[in-house]
Amino acid sequence: MIEDKLSIEDKLSIKLFRQEKGQGAKRICQEFSYNKWAVSSVRDLLRKIDTTNSISHKAGSVWPRTVRTERNIACVAELI
C-alpha cells in the first residue's frame, strides 16, 4: 500500500537527504522503501523544498479555524 500523507518527521528526513545527497524522488523512495511513500508526494515535497527551502505551509494557505470564535459561540447560544 502506498501512503500519500507524509508526517513532519518524514518531511524532515526527506529534506535532510535531499540537501546532503541531492537525490531525486525515486531514489529517496528506494532508500526509504520501508515507509512506502508515494513518489508523487515526495516529488511535490522536493519541488517545495527546492523553491522555498522549507517544508511548512505558505502563510495563509491553511484553512483558518474560525468556527469556535467567541462571536460564533454567542450566536449559537442565542439560537439554542
PDB file of N, CA and C in Angstrom:
ATOM      1  N   MET A   1       0.841  -1.180   0.000  1.00  0.00           N
ATOM      2  CA  MET A   1       0.000   0.000   0.000  1.00  0.00           C
ATOM      3  C   MET A   1       0.887   1.244   0.000  1.00  0.00           C
ATOM      4  N   ILE A   2       0.572   2.201  -0.864  1.00  0.00           N
ATOM      5  CA  ILE A   2       1.341   3.435  -0.943  1.00  0.00           C
ATOM      6  C   ILE A   2       0.604   4.512  -0.163  1.00  0.00           C
ATOM      7  N   GLU A   3       1.329   5.196   0.712  1.00  0.00           N
ATOM      8  CA  GLU A   3       0.730   6.234   1.535  1.00  0.00           C
ATOM      9  C   GLU A   3       0.985   7.594   0.911  1.00  0.00           C
ATOM     10  N   ASP A   4      -0.044   8.438   0.883  1.00  0.00           N
ATOM     11  CA  ASP A   4       0.100   9.773   0.330  1.00  0.00           C
ATOM     12  C   ASP A   4       0.491  10.792   1.375  1.00  0.00           C
ATOM     13  N   LYS A   5       0.179  10.544   2.623  1.00  0.00           N
ATOM     14  CA  LYS A   5       0.458  11.509   3.684  1.00  0.00           C
ATOM     15  C   LYS A   5       1.876  11.316   4.217  1.00  0.00           C
ATOM     16  N   LEU A   6       2.574  12.423   4.347  1.00  0.00           N
ATOM     17  CA  LEU A   6       3.923  12.402   4.909  1.00  0.00           C
ATOM     18  C   LEU A   6       3.892  13.118   6.248  1.00  0.00           C
ATOM     19  N   SER A   7       4.438  12.496   7.282  1.00  0.00           N
ATOM     20  CA  SER A   7       4.487  13.136   8.591  1.00  0.00           C
ATOM     21  C   SER A   7       5.590  14.191   8.607  1.00  0.00           C
ATOM     22  N   ILE A   8       5.601  14.990   9.646  1.00  0.00           N
ATOM     23  CA  ILE A   8       6.641  16.014   9.798  1.00  0.00           C
ATOM     24  C   ILE A   8       8.017  15.365   9.839  1.00  0.00           C
ATOM     25  N   GLU A   9       8.125  14.235  10.538  1.00  0.00           N
ATOM     26  CA  GLU A   9       9.403  13.529  10.618  1.00  0.00           C
ATOM     27  C   GLU A   9       9.845  13.045   9.238  1.00  0.00           C
ATOM     28  N   ASP A  10       8.877  12.534   8.452  1.00  0.00           N
ATOM     29  CA  ASP A  10       9.179  12.093   7.090  1.00  0.00           C
ATOM     30  C   ASP A  10       9.686  13.262   6.253  1.00  0.00           C
ATOM     31  N   LYS A  11       8.991  14.384   6.346  1.00  0.00           N
ATOM     32  CA  LYS A  11       9.372  15.562   5.566  1.00  0.00           C
ATOM     33  C   LYS A  11      10.769  16.048   5.937  1.00  0.00           C
ATOM     34  N   LEU A  12      11.081  16.032   7.237  1.00  0.00           N
ATOM     35  CA  LEU A  12      12.409  16.447   7.673  1.00  0.00           C
ATOM     36  C   LEU A  12      13.484  15.488   7.168  1.00  0.00           C
ATOM     37  N   SER A  13      13.178  14.187   7.190  1.00  0.00           N
ATOM     38  CA  SER A  13      14.132  13.192   6.682  1.00  0.00           C
ATOM     39  C   SER A  13      14.383  13.393   5.191  1.00  0.00           C
ATOM     40  N   ILE A  14      13.318  13.634   4.444  1.00  0.00           N
ATOM     41  CA  ILE A  14      13.441  13.841   3.002  1.00  0.00           C
ATOM     42  C   ILE A  14      14.237  15.107   2.719  1.00  0.00           C
ATOM     43  N   LYS A  15      13.948  16.183   3.458  1.00  0.00           N
ATOM     44  CA  LYS A  15      14.671  17.442   3.260  1.00  0.00           C
ATOM     45  C   LYS A  15      16.159  17.264   3.541  1.00  0.00           C
ATOM     46  N   LEU A  16      16.475  16.605   4.643  1.00  0.00           N
ATOM     47  CA  LEU A  16      17.875  16.386   5.003  1.00  0.00           C
ATOM     48  C   LEU A  16      18.581  15.538   3.954  1.00  0.00           C
ATOM     49  N   PHE A  17      17.926  14.471   3.513  1.00  0.00           N
ATOM     50  CA  PHE A  17      18.512  13.592   2.499  1.00  0.00           C
ATOM     51  C   PHE A  17      18.723  14.339   1.192  1.00  0.00           C
ATOM     52  N   ARG A  18      17.762  15.190   0.824  1.00  0.00           N
ATOM     53  CA  ARG A  18      17.875  15.974  -0.413  1.00  0.00           C
ATOM     54  C   ARG A  18      19.047  16.941  -0.325  1.00  0.00           C
ATOM     55  N   GLN A  19      19.186  17.621   0.815  1.00  0.00           N
ATOM     56  CA  GLN A  19      20.247  18.613   0.963  1.00  0.00           C
ATOM     57  C   GLN A  19      21.625  17.973   1.043  1.00  0.00           C
ATOM     58  N   GLU A  20      21.722  16.831   1.707  1.00  0.00           N
ATOM     59  CA  GLU A  20      23.025  16.185   1.863  1.00  0.00           C
ATOM     60  C   GLU A  20      23.456  15.406   0.621  1.00  0.00           C
ATOM     61  N   LYS A  21      22.520  14.681   0.016  1.00  0.00           N
ATOM     62  CA  LYS A  21      22.868  13.789  -1.089  1.00  0.00           C
ATOM     63  C   LYS A  21      22.431  14.302  -2.448  1.00  0.00           C
ATOM     64  N   GLY A  22      21.434  15.202  -2.497  1.00  0.00           N
ATOM     65  CA  GLY A  22      20.946  15.726  -3.765  1.00  0.00           C
ATOM     66  C   GLY A  22      20.185  14.715  -4.595  1.00  0.00           C
ATOM     67  N   GLN A  23      19.595  13.718  -3.938  1.00  0.00           N
ATOM     68  CA  GLN A  23      18.876  12.649  -4.648  1.00  0.00           C
ATOM     69  C   GLN A  23      17.480  13.087  -5.065  1.00  0.00           C
ATOM     70  N   GLY A  24      16.934  12.421  -6.086  1.00  0.00           N
ATOM     71  CA  GLY A  24      15.593  12.687  -6.585  1.00  0.00           C
ATOM     72  C   GLY A  24      14.551  11.856  -5.852  1.00  0.00           C
ATOM     73  N   ALA A  25      13.305  12.035  -6.249  1.00  0.00           N
ATOM     74  CA  ALA A  25      12.180  11.398  -5.574  1.00  0.00           C
ATOM     75  C   ALA A  25      12.238   9.873  -5.640  1.00  0.00           C
ATOM     76  N   LYS A  26      12.530   9.330  -6.808  1.00  0.00           N
ATOM     77  CA  LYS A  26      12.568   7.865  -6.942  1.00  0.00           C
ATOM     78  C   LYS A  26      13.654   7.263  -6.067  1.00  0.00           C
ATOM     79  N   ARG A  27      14.820   7.880  -6.063  1.00  0.00           N
ATOM     80  CA  ARG A  27      15.944   7.372  -5.271  1.00  0.00           C
ATOM     81  C   ARG A  27      15.647   7.459  -3.771  1.00  0.00           C
ATOM     82  N   ILE A  28      15.007   8.546  -3.361  1.00  0.00           N
ATOM     83  CA  ILE A  28      14.654   8.692  -1.945  1.00  0.00           C
ATOM     84  C   ILE A  28      13.634   7.632  -1.556  1.00  0.00           C
ATOM     85  N   CYS A  29      12.654   7.372  -2.415  1.00  0.00           N
ATOM     86  CA  CYS A  29      11.657   6.333  -2.124  1.00  0.00           C
ATOM     87  C   CYS A  29      12.302   4.945  -2.051  1.00  0.00           C
ATOM     88  N   GLN A  30      13.312   4.694  -2.883  1.00  0.00           N
ATOM     89  CA  GLN A  30      14.031   3.419  -2.825  1.00  0.00           C
ATOM     90  C   GLN A  30      14.835   3.315  -1.539  1.00  0.00           C
ATOM     91  N   GLU A  31      15.473   4.412  -1.169  1.00  0.00           N
ATOM     92  CA  GLU A  31      16.321   4.436   0.029  1.00  0.00           C
ATOM     93  C   GLU A  31      15.489   4.190   1.295  1.00  0.00           C
ATOM     94  N   PHE A  32      14.278   4.740   1.329  1.00  0.00           N
ATOM     95  CA  PHE A  32      13.384   4.594   2.475  1.00  0.00           C
ATOM     96  C   PHE A  32      12.195   3.711   2.099  1.00  0.00           C
ATOM     97  N   SER A  33      12.438   2.598   1.443  1.00  0.00           N
ATOM     98  CA  SER A  33      11.362   1.751   0.911  1.00  0.00           C
ATOM     99  C   SER A  33      10.433   1.213   1.992  1.00  0.00           C
ATOM    100  N   TYR A  34      10.900   1.087   3.212  1.00  0.00           N
ATOM    101  CA  TYR A  34      10.067   0.569   4.292  1.00  0.00           C
ATOM    102  C   TYR A  34       8.932   1.529   4.646  1.00  0.00           C
ATOM    103  N   ASN A  35       9.029   2.812   4.246  1.00  0.00           N
ATOM    104  CA  ASN A  35       7.972   3.785   4.533  1.00  0.00           C
ATOM    105  C   ASN A  35       6.839   3.754   3.520  1.00  0.00           C
ATOM    106  N   LYS A  36       7.080   3.197   2.338  1.00  0.00           N
ATOM    107  CA  LYS A  36       6.078   3.100   1.273  1.00  0.00           C
ATOM    108  C   LYS A  36       5.490   4.468   0.908  1.00  0.00           C
ATOM    109  N   TRP A  37       6.366   5.446   0.720  1.00  0.00           N
ATOM    110  CA  TRP A  37       5.937   6.773   0.298  1.00  0.00           C
ATOM    111  C   TRP A  37       5.567   6.751  -1.171  1.00  0.00           C
ATOM    112  N   ALA A  38       4.583   7.561  -1.554  1.00  0.00           N
ATOM    113  CA  ALA A  38       4.224   7.731  -2.952  1.00  0.00           C
ATOM    114  C   ALA A  38       5.270   8.640  -3.601  1.00  0.00           C
ATOM    115  N   VAL A  39       5.772   8.247  -4.757  1.00  0.00           N
ATOM    116  CA  VAL A  39       6.792   9.028  -5.455  1.00  0.00           C
ATOM    117  C   VAL A  39       6.264  10.424  -5.752  1.00  0.00           C
ATOM    118  N   SER A  40       4.998  10.536  -6.112  1.00  0.00           N
ATOM    119  CA  SER A  40       4.431  11.847  -6.428  1.00  0.00           C
ATOM    120  C   SER A  40       4.422  12.766  -5.208  1.00  0.00           C
ATOM    121  N   SER A  41       4.161  12.220  -4.014  1.00  0.00           N
ATOM    122  CA  SER A  41       4.181  13.032  -2.795  1.00  0.00           C
ATOM    123  C   SER A  41       5.586  13.526  -2.501  1.00  0.00           C
ATOM    124  N   VAL A  42       6.560  12.648  -2.665  1.00  0.00           N
ATOM    125  CA  VAL A  42       7.958  13.032  -2.429  1.00  0.00           C
ATOM    126  C   VAL A  42       8.393  14.054  -3.471  1.00  0.00           C
ATOM    127  N   ARG A  43       7.992  13.850  -4.720  1.00  0.00           N
ATOM    128  CA  ARG A  43       8.341  14.784  -5.796  1.00  0.00           C
ATOM    129  C   ARG A  43       7.771  16.179  -5.503  1.00  0.00           C
ATOM    130  N   ASP A  44       6.512  16.226  -5.064  1.00  0.00           N
ATOM    131  CA  ASP A  44       5.890  17.513  -4.731  1.00  0.00           C
ATOM    132  C   ASP A  44       6.625  18.196  -3.580  1.00  0.00           C
ATOM    133  N   LEU A  45       6.993  17.410  -2.571  1.00  0.00           N
ATOM    134  CA  LEU A  45       7.721  17.973  -1.437  1.00  0.00           C
ATOM    135  C   LEU A  45       9.097  18.477  -1.866  1.00  0.00           C
ATOM    136  N   LEU A  46       9.788  17.738  -2.723  1.00  0.00           N
ATOM    137  CA  LEU A  46      11.105  18.174  -3.197  1.00  0.00           C
ATOM    138  C   LEU A  46      10.995  19.478  -3.995  1.00  0.00           C
ATOM    139  N   ARG A  47       9.950  19.589  -4.783  1.00  0.00           N
ATOM    140  CA  ARG A  47       9.734  20.831  -5.538  1.00  0.00           C
ATOM    141  C   ARG A  47       9.564  22.003  -4.570  1.00  0.00           C
ATOM    142  N   LYS A  48       8.803  21.776  -3.501  1.00  0.00           N
ATOM    143  CA  LYS A  48       8.587  22.804  -2.490  1.00  0.00           C
ATOM    144  C   LYS A  48       9.895  23.145  -1.771  1.00  0.00           C
ATOM    145  N   ILE A  49      10.673  22.126  -1.419  1.00  0.00           N
ATOM    146  CA  ILE A  49      11.953  22.341  -0.738  1.00  0.00           C
ATOM    147  C   ILE A  49      12.904  23.123  -1.636  1.00  0.00           C
ATOM    148  N   ASP A  50      12.961  22.763  -2.921  1.00  0.00           N
ATOM    149  CA  ASP A  50      13.861  23.449  -3.845  1.00  0.00           C
ATOM    150  C   ASP A  50      13.463  24.910  -4.052  1.00  0.00           C
ATOM    151  N   THR A  51      12.163  25.173  -4.031  1.00  0.00           N
ATOM    152  CA  THR A  51      11.674  26.526  -4.271  1.00  0.00           C
ATOM    153  C   THR A  51      11.779  27.416  -3.044  1.00  0.00           C
ATOM    154  N   THR A  52      11.339  26.898  -1.895  1.00  0.00           N
ATOM    155  CA  THR A  52      11.237  27.728  -0.692  1.00  0.00           C
ATOM    156  C   THR A  52      12.246  27.370   0.394  1.00  0.00           C
ATOM    157  N   ASN A  53      12.936  26.245   0.248  1.00  0.00           N
ATOM    158  CA  ASN A  53      13.854  25.721   1.269  1.00  0.00           C
ATOM    159  C   ASN A  53      13.133  25.494   2.597  1.00  0.00           C
ATOM    160  N   SER A  54      11.856  25.132   2.518  1.00  0.00           N
ATOM    161  CA  SER A  54      11.052  24.932   3.714  1.00  0.00           C
ATOM    162  C   SER A  54      10.094  23.765   3.480  1.00  0.00           C
ATOM    163  N   ILE A  55       9.651  23.130   4.581  1.00  0.00           N
ATOM    164  CA  ILE A  55       8.660  22.064   4.476  1.00  0.00           C
ATOM    165  C   ILE A  55       7.311  22.527   5.001  1.00  0.00           C
ATOM    166  N   SER A  56       7.238  23.759   5.494  1.00  0.00           N
ATOM    167  CA  SER A  56       5.992  24.239   6.084  1.00  0.00           C
ATOM    168  C   SER A  56       5.070  24.850   5.034  1.00  0.00           C
ATOM    169  N   HIS A  57       3.821  25.037   5.421  1.00  0.00           N
ATOM    170  CA  HIS A  57       2.821  25.621   4.536  1.00  0.00           C
ATOM    171  C   HIS A  57       3.138  27.092   4.294  1.00  0.00           C
ATOM    172  N   LYS A  58       2.684  27.591   3.149  1.00  0.00           N
ATOM    173  CA  LYS A  58       2.794  29.017   2.890  1.00  0.00           C
ATOM    174  C   LYS A  58       1.847  29.746   3.830  1.00  0.00           C
ATOM    175  N   ALA A  59       2.203  30.970   4.193  1.00  0.00           N
ATOM    176  CA  ALA A  59       1.343  31.764   5.061  1.00  0.00           C
ATOM    177  C   ALA A  59       0.006  31.991   4.370  1.00  0.00           C
ATOM    178  N   GLY A  60      -1.074  31.706   5.072  1.00  0.00           N
ATOM    179  CA  GLY A  60      -2.403  31.899   4.532  1.00  0.00           C
ATOM    180  C   GLY A  60      -2.932  30.753   3.702  1.00  0.00           C
ATOM    181  N   SER A  61      -2.159  29.699   3.520  1.00  0.00           N
ATOM    182  CA  SER A  61      -2.612  28.592   2.681  1.00  0.00           C
ATOM    183  C   SER A  61      -3.427  27.560   3.458  1.00  0.00           C
ATOM    184  N   VAL A  62      -3.362  27.605   4.766  1.00  0.00           N
ATOM    185  CA  VAL A  62      -4.100  26.661   5.599  1.00  0.00           C
ATOM    186  C   VAL A  62      -5.466  27.271   5.907  1.00  0.00           C
ATOM    187  N   TRP A  63      -6.505  26.448   5.856  1.00  0.00           N
ATOM    188  CA  TRP A  63      -7.847  26.928   6.122  1.00  0.00           C
ATOM    189  C   TRP A  63      -7.917  27.482   7.546  1.00  0.00           C
ATOM    190  N   PRO A  64      -8.378  28.729   7.698  1.00  0.00           N
ATOM    191  CA  PRO A  64      -8.427  29.324   9.040  1.00  0.00           C
ATOM    192  C   PRO A  64      -9.460  28.641   9.930  1.00  0.00           C
ATOM    193  N   ARG A  65      -9.139  28.508  11.185  1.00  0.00           N
ATOM    194  CA  ARG A  65     -10.045  27.871  12.142  1.00  0.00           C
ATOM    195  C   ARG A  65     -10.829  28.963  12.860  1.00  0.00           C
ATOM    196  N   THR A  66     -11.990  29.263  12.325  1.00  0.00           N
ATOM    197  CA  THR A  66     -12.799  30.345  12.871  1.00  0.00           C
ATOM    198  C   THR A  66     -14.121  29.848  13.425  1.00  0.00           C
ATOM    199  N   VAL A  67     -14.302  28.568  13.512  1.00  0.00           N
ATOM    200  CA  VAL A  67     -15.582  28.012  13.928  1.00  0.00           C
ATOM    201  C   VAL A  67     -15.879  28.322  15.385  1.00  0.00           C
ATOM    202  N   ARG A  68     -14.902  28.191  16.255  1.00  0.00           N
ATOM    203  CA  ARG A  68     -15.157  28.371  17.686  1.00  0.00           C
ATOM    204  C   ARG A  68     -14.673  29.725  18.188  1.00  0.00           C
ATOM    205  N   THR A  69     -15.062  30.769  17.499  1.00  0.00           N
ATOM    206  CA  THR A  69     -14.746  32.110  17.989  1.00  0.00           C
ATOM    207  C   THR A  69     -15.786  32.501  19.031  1.00  0.00           C
ATOM    208  N   GLU A  70     -15.456  33.486  19.831  1.00  0.00           N
ATOM    209  CA  GLU A  70     -16.390  33.945  20.866  1.00  0.00           C
ATOM    210  C   GLU A  70     -17.709  34.400  20.236  1.00  0.00           C
ATOM    211  N   ARG A  71     -17.596  35.063  19.092  1.00  0.00           N
ATOM    212  CA  ARG A  71     -18.792  35.568  18.416  1.00  0.00           C
ATOM    213  C   ARG A  71     -19.690  34.412  17.966  1.00  0.00           C
ATOM    214  N   ASN A  72     -19.085  33.394  17.359  1.00  0.00           N
ATOM    215  CA  ASN A  72     -19.884  32.244  16.902  1.00  0.00           C
ATOM    216  C   ASN A  72     -20.487  31.476  18.061  1.00  0.00           C
ATOM    217  N   ILE A  73     -19.766  31.344  19.138  1.00  0.00           N
ATOM    218  CA  ILE A  73     -20.290  30.646  20.323  1.00  0.00           C
ATOM    219  C   ILE A  73     -21.505  31.393  20.865  1.00  0.00           C
ATOM    220  N   ALA A  74     -21.406  32.719  20.909  1.00  0.00           N
ATOM    221  CA  ALA A  74     -22.522  33.526  21.383  1.00  0.00           C
ATOM    222  C   ALA A  74     -23.731  33.403  20.456  1.00  0.00           C
ATOM    223  N   CYS A  75     -23.495  33.391  19.144  1.00  0.00           N
ATOM    224  CA  CYS A  75     -24.600  33.250  18.184  1.00  0.00           C
ATOM    225  C   CYS A  75     -25.301  31.916  18.340  1.00  0.00           C
ATOM    226  N   VAL A  76     -24.544  30.856  18.491  1.00  0.00           N
ATOM    227  CA  VAL A  76     -25.134  29.521  18.656  1.00  0.00           C
ATOM    228  C   VAL A  76     -25.888  29.445  19.976  1.00  0.00           C
ATOM    229  N   ALA A  77     -25.329  30.018  21.017  1.00  0.00           N
ATOM    230  CA  ALA A  77     -26.017  30.022  22.321  1.00  0.00           C
ATOM    231  C   ALA A  77     -27.338  30.767  22.214  1.00  0.00           C
ATOM    232  N   GLU A  78     -27.360  31.850  21.434  1.00  0.00           N
ATOM    233  CA  GLU A  78     -28.574  32.615  21.228  1.00  0.00           C
ATOM    234  C   GLU A  78     -29.624  31.801  20.483  1.00  0.00           C
ATOM    235  N   LEU A  79     -29.174  31.034  19.496  1.00  0.00           N
ATOM    236  CA  LEU A  79     -30.101  30.208  18.710  1.00  0.00           C
ATOM    237  C   LEU A  79     -30.715  29.083  19.537  1.00  0.00           C
ATOM    238  N   ILE A  80     -29.975  28.579  20.463  1.00  0.00           N
ATOM    239  CA  ILE A  80     -30.449  27.470  21.301  1.00  0.00           C
ATOM    240  C   ILE A  80     -31.388  28.015  22.322  1.00  0.00           C
TER     241      ILE A  80
END
